[in-house]
Amino acid sequence: MLPVIFNNQLFRDLLNNDFTKDMEKVFRRSECDLMRTDIKETEKGFDIHIDLPGFKKDEINAELKDGYLNVSTSKNVENTSGDASTKYILRERYSSNCSRSFYVGENISEEDIQASFENGILNVHIPKKEPQEEPKKVINIK
């Protein structure tokens, strides 16, 4: 049996024992489950669709720096239900940080990019822009 190396099956296939079964409970999601992305080219530009289920708009950050569009998310969830007299048998917390970077070109500015977040999907439109040629500097020789 060959291990599947491109998804979360690797350790399950290699070490099919109680340890890996316990680890599956701890690491329920693989990195490839977060921020699944589709990029579509149109005549006017590029449309990026990033799946971010369970995130709110204020938990998503987008930054344009040195020609790269960096999209990151951060979420911390604590189960704080119950009062002081509650005897807990199990309390779980969830923390997630994830980021993706896309090269969009150095000639794109923040004003050019349009973004919206609807139904757990971040939609980003980046227009096509040809690199601007710097004007040639002519030196007059006397």
C-alpha atoms as a PDB file:
ATOM      1  CA  MET A   1       0.000   0.000   0.000  1.00  0.00           C
ATOM      2  CA  LEU A   2       1.421   3.376  -1.021  1.00  0.00           C
ATOM      3  CA  PRO A   3       0.789   6.444   1.148  1.00  0.00           C
ATOM      4  CA  VAL A   4      -1.184   9.337  -0.216  1.00  0.00           C
ATOM      5  CA  ILE A   5       1.227  12.237   0.218  1.00  0.00           C
ATOM      6  CA  PHE A   6      -0.845  15.126  -1.006  1.00  0.00           C
ATOM      7  CA  ASN A   7      -3.570  15.167   1.623  1.00  0.00           C
ATOM      8  CA  ASN A   8      -4.184  14.316   5.268  1.00  0.00           C
ATOM      9  CA  GLN A   9      -4.056  10.554   4.572  1.00  0.00           C
ATOM     10  CA  LEU A  10      -0.238  10.331   4.781  1.00  0.00           C
ATOM     11  CA  PHE A  11       0.173   9.486   8.452  1.00  0.00           C
ATOM     12  CA  ARG A  12      -2.966   7.388   8.535  1.00  0.00           C
ATOM     13  CA  ASP A  13      -1.586   5.226   5.716  1.00  0.00           C
ATOM     14  CA  LEU A  14       1.945   4.998   7.108  1.00  0.00           C
ATOM     15  CA  LEU A  15       1.155   4.526  10.770  1.00  0.00           C
ATOM     16  CA  ASN A  16      -2.296   3.079  11.096  1.00  0.00           C
ATOM     17  CA  ASN A  17      -2.363   2.838  14.901  1.00  0.00           C
ATOM     18  CA  ASP A  18      -3.989   4.393  17.964  1.00  0.00           C
ATOM     19  CA  PHE A  19      -1.552   7.323  17.995  1.00  0.00           C
ATOM     20  CA  THR A  20      -2.529   8.509  14.524  1.00  0.00           C
ATOM     21  CA  LYS A  21      -6.215   8.033  15.323  1.00  0.00           C
ATOM     22  CA  ASP A  22      -5.768  10.306  18.360  1.00  0.00           C
ATOM     23  CA  MET A  23      -3.878  12.857  16.240  1.00  0.00           C
ATOM     24  CA  GLU A  24      -6.771  12.966  13.782  1.00  0.00           C
ATOM     25  CA  LYS A  25      -9.007  14.140  16.624  1.00  0.00           C
ATOM     26  CA  VAL A  26      -6.585  16.978  17.420  1.00  0.00           C
ATOM     27  CA  PHE A  27      -5.911  18.059  13.831  1.00  0.00           C
ATOM     28  CA  ARG A  28      -9.362  17.846  12.311  1.00  0.00           C
ATOM     29  CA  ARG A  29      -8.679  20.093   9.346  1.00  0.00           C
ATOM     30  CA  SER A  30      -5.760  20.026   7.001  1.00  0.00           C
ATOM     31  CA  GLU A  31      -4.211  23.200   5.650  1.00  0.00           C
ATOM     32  CA  CYS A  32      -5.559  22.502   2.195  1.00  0.00           C
ATOM     33  CA  ASP A  33      -9.112  22.653   3.586  1.00  0.00           C
ATOM     34  CA  LEU A  34      -8.649  26.332   4.452  1.00  0.00           C
ATOM     35  CA  MET A  35      -8.717  29.148   1.930  1.00  0.00           C
ATOM     36  CA  ARG A  36      -9.551  27.088  -1.128  1.00  0.00           C
ATOM     37  CA  THR A  37      -9.026  29.455  -4.018  1.00  0.00           C
ATOM     38  CA  ASP A  38     -10.242  29.805  -7.595  1.00  0.00           C
ATOM     39  CA  ILE A  39      -8.674  32.351  -9.948  1.00  0.00           C
ATOM     40  CA  LYS A  40     -10.482  33.212 -13.167  1.00  0.00           C
ATOM     41  CA  GLU A  41      -9.089  35.358 -15.965  1.00  0.00           C
ATOM     42  CA  THR A  42     -11.492  37.685 -17.735  1.00  0.00           C
ATOM     43  CA  GLU A  43     -10.986  40.258 -20.478  1.00  0.00           C
ATOM     44  CA  LYS A  44     -10.712  43.042 -17.916  1.00  0.00           C
ATOM     45  CA  GLY A  45      -8.759  41.341 -15.168  1.00  0.00           C
ATOM     46  CA  PHE A  46      -8.589  38.495 -12.705  1.00  0.00           C
ATOM     47  CA  ASP A  47     -11.277  37.342 -10.287  1.00  0.00           C
ATOM     48  CA  ILE A  48     -10.077  35.581  -7.144  1.00  0.00           C
ATOM     49  CA  HIS A  49     -12.625  33.633  -5.083  1.00  0.00           C
ATOM     50  CA  ILE A  50     -11.401  32.407  -1.683  1.00  0.00           C
ATOM     51  CA  ASP A  51     -13.587  30.118   0.436  1.00  0.00           C
ATOM     52  CA  LEU A  52     -13.547  31.256   4.077  1.00  0.00           C
ATOM     53  CA  PRO A  53     -16.432  29.424   5.756  1.00  0.00           C
ATOM     54  CA  GLY A  54     -17.022  30.322   9.384  1.00  0.00           C
ATOM     55  CA  PHE A  55     -15.095  33.594   9.211  1.00  0.00           C
ATOM     56  CA  LYS A  56     -16.550  37.061   9.618  1.00  0.00           C
ATOM     57  CA  LYS A  57     -15.590  40.070   7.544  1.00  0.00           C
ATOM     58  CA  ASP A  58     -13.615  41.649  10.402  1.00  0.00           C
ATOM     59  CA  GLU A  59     -11.507  38.471  10.800  1.00  0.00           C
ATOM     60  CA  ILE A  60     -10.102  38.802   7.261  1.00  0.00           C
ATOM     61  CA  ASN A  61      -7.170  41.044   6.371  1.00  0.00           C
ATOM     62  CA  ALA A  62      -5.940  41.922   2.887  1.00  0.00           C
ATOM     63  CA  GLU A  63      -2.742  43.846   2.253  1.00  0.00           C
ATOM     64  CA  LEU A  64      -0.950  44.884  -0.924  1.00  0.00           C
ATOM     65  CA  LYS A  65       2.820  45.067  -0.525  1.00  0.00           C
ATOM     66  CA  ASP A  66       5.646  44.890  -3.075  1.00  0.00           C
ATOM     67  CA  GLY A  67       3.340  43.565  -5.798  1.00  0.00           C
ATOM     68  CA  TYR A  68       1.859  40.807  -3.615  1.00  0.00           C
ATOM     69  CA  LEU A  69      -1.716  40.617  -2.383  1.00  0.00           C
ATOM     70  CA  ASN A  70      -1.570  38.957   1.046  1.00  0.00           C
ATOM     71  CA  VAL A  71      -4.847  37.612   2.442  1.00  0.00           C
ATOM     72  CA  SER A  72      -4.841  36.374   6.027  1.00  0.00           C
ATOM     73  CA  THR A  73      -7.398  35.247   8.576  1.00  0.00           C
ATOM     74  CA  SER A  74      -7.307  34.849  12.322  1.00  0.00           C
ATOM     75  CA  LYS A  75      -9.910  33.293  14.586  1.00  0.00           C
ATOM     76  CA  ASN A  76      -9.909  32.356  18.266  1.00  0.00           C
ATOM     77  CA  VAL A  77     -12.979  30.677  19.734  1.00  0.00           C
ATOM     78  CA  GLU A  78     -13.373  29.719  23.362  1.00  0.00           C
ATOM     79  CA  ASN A  79     -16.256  27.804  24.860  1.00  0.00           C
ATOM     80  CA  THR A  80     -17.222  29.954  27.853  1.00  0.00           C
ATOM     81  CA  SER A  81     -20.704  28.621  28.407  1.00  0.00           C
ATOM     82  CA  GLY A  82     -21.758  27.726  31.926  1.00  0.00           C
ATOM     83  CA  ASP A  83     -21.396  29.444  35.283  1.00  0.00           C
ATOM     84  CA  ALA A  84     -18.808  29.119  38.066  1.00  0.00           C
ATOM     85  CA  SER A  85     -20.561  26.106  39.621  1.00  0.00           C
ATOM     86  CA  THR A  86     -20.414  24.102  36.377  1.00  0.00           C
ATOM     87  CA  LYS A  87     -18.197  21.041  36.565  1.00  0.00           C
ATOM     88  CA  TYR A  88     -16.538  20.648  33.183  1.00  0.00           C
ATOM     89  CA  ILE A  89     -15.686  17.259  31.806  1.00  0.00           C
ATOM     90  CA  LEU A  90     -14.416  18.682  28.506  1.00  0.00           C
ATOM     91  CA  ARG A  91     -13.872  22.237  27.228  1.00  0.00           C
ATOM     92  CA  GLU A  92     -12.550  22.823  23.752  1.00  0.00           C
ATOM     93  CA  ARG A  93     -10.959  25.853  22.165  1.00  0.00           C
ATOM     94  CA  TYR A  94     -10.282  26.554  18.545  1.00  0.00           C
ATOM     95  CA  SER A  95      -7.624  28.807  17.078  1.00  0.00           C
ATOM     96  CA  SER A  96      -6.881  29.317  13.416  1.00  0.00           C
ATOM     97  CA  ASN A  97      -4.460  31.460  11.445  1.00  0.00           C
ATOM     98  CA  CYS A  98      -4.125  31.105   7.712  1.00  0.00           C
ATOM     99  CA  SER A  99      -2.677  33.168   4.888  1.00  0.00           C
ATOM    100  CA  ARG A 100      -2.185  33.126   1.133  1.00  0.00           C
ATOM    101  CA  SER A 101      -0.148  35.388  -1.121  1.00  0.00           C
ATOM    102  CA  PHE A 102      -0.754  36.186  -4.777  1.00  0.00           C
ATOM    103  CA  TYR A 103       1.594  38.103  -7.063  1.00  0.00           C
ATOM    104  CA  VAL A 104      -0.488  40.789  -8.790  1.00  0.00           C
ATOM    105  CA  GLY A 105       2.272  43.010 -10.165  1.00  0.00           C
ATOM    106  CA  GLU A 106       4.006  46.115  -8.949  1.00  0.00           C
ATOM    107  CA  ASN A 107       1.845  48.430 -11.094  1.00  0.00           C
ATOM    108  CA  ILE A 108      -1.367  47.574  -9.180  1.00  0.00           C
ATOM    109  CA  SER A 109      -2.402  49.922  -6.367  1.00  0.00           C
ATOM    110  CA  GLU A 110      -4.905  49.531  -3.528  1.00  0.00           C
ATOM    111  CA  GLU A 111      -7.390  51.728  -5.390  1.00  0.00           C
ATOM    112  CA  ASP A 112      -7.402  49.321  -8.358  1.00  0.00           C
ATOM    113  CA  ILE A 113      -8.489  46.293  -6.297  1.00  0.00           C
ATOM    114  CA  GLN A 114     -12.166  45.662  -5.550  1.00  0.00           C
ATOM    115  CA  ALA A 115     -13.129  43.172  -2.833  1.00  0.00           C
ATOM    116  CA  SER A 116     -16.349  41.905  -1.279  1.00  0.00           C
ATOM    117  CA  PHE A 117     -17.222  39.198   1.236  1.00  0.00           C
ATOM    118  CA  GLU A 118     -20.516  37.337   0.835  1.00  0.00           C
ATOM    119  CA  ASN A 119     -21.709  33.953   2.137  1.00  0.00           C
ATOM    120  CA  GLY A 120     -18.250  32.906   3.329  1.00  0.00           C
ATOM    121  CA  ILE A 121     -16.518  33.711   0.042  1.00  0.00           C
ATOM    122  CA  LEU A 122     -14.028  36.541  -0.411  1.00  0.00           C
ATOM    123  CA  ASN A 123     -14.295  37.905  -3.966  1.00  0.00           C
ATOM    124  CA  VAL A 124     -11.388  40.012  -5.226  1.00  0.00           C
ATOM    125  CA  HIS A 125     -11.169  41.648  -8.652  1.00  0.00           C
ATOM    126  CA  ILE A 126      -7.793  42.779  -9.926  1.00  0.00           C
ATOM    127  CA  PRO A 127      -7.777  44.648 -13.244  1.00  0.00           C
ATOM    128  CA  LYS A 128      -5.260  43.907 -15.970  1.00  0.00           C
ATOM    129  CA  LYS A 129      -2.736  46.673 -16.262  1.00  0.00           C
ATOM    130  CA  GLU A 130       0.167  46.850 -18.600  1.00  0.00           C
ATOM    131  CA  PRO A 131       3.409  47.920 -16.960  1.00  0.00           C
ATOM    132  CA  GLN A 132       3.995  51.576 -17.571  1.00  0.00           C
ATOM    133  CA  GLU A 133       7.179  52.289 -19.395  1.00  0.00           C
ATOM    134  CA  GLU A 134       9.239  55.024 -17.877  1.00  0.00           C
ATOM    135  CA  PRO A 135       9.822  57.874 -20.273  1.00  0.00           C
ATOM    136  CA  LYS A 136      13.210  57.729 -21.897  1.00  0.00           C
ATOM    137  CA  LYS A 137      15.571  60.312 -20.575  1.00  0.00           C
ATOM    138  CA  VAL A 138      17.335  62.011 -23.434  1.00  0.00           C
ATOM    139  CA  ILE A 139      20.589  63.753 -22.751  1.00  0.00           C
ATOM    140  CA  ASN A 140      21.481  66.500 -25.148  1.00  0.00           C
ATOM    141  CA  ILE A 141      25.130  66.451 -26.060  1.00  0.00           C
ATOM    142  CA  LYS A 142      26.653  69.809 -26.915  1.00  0.00           C
END
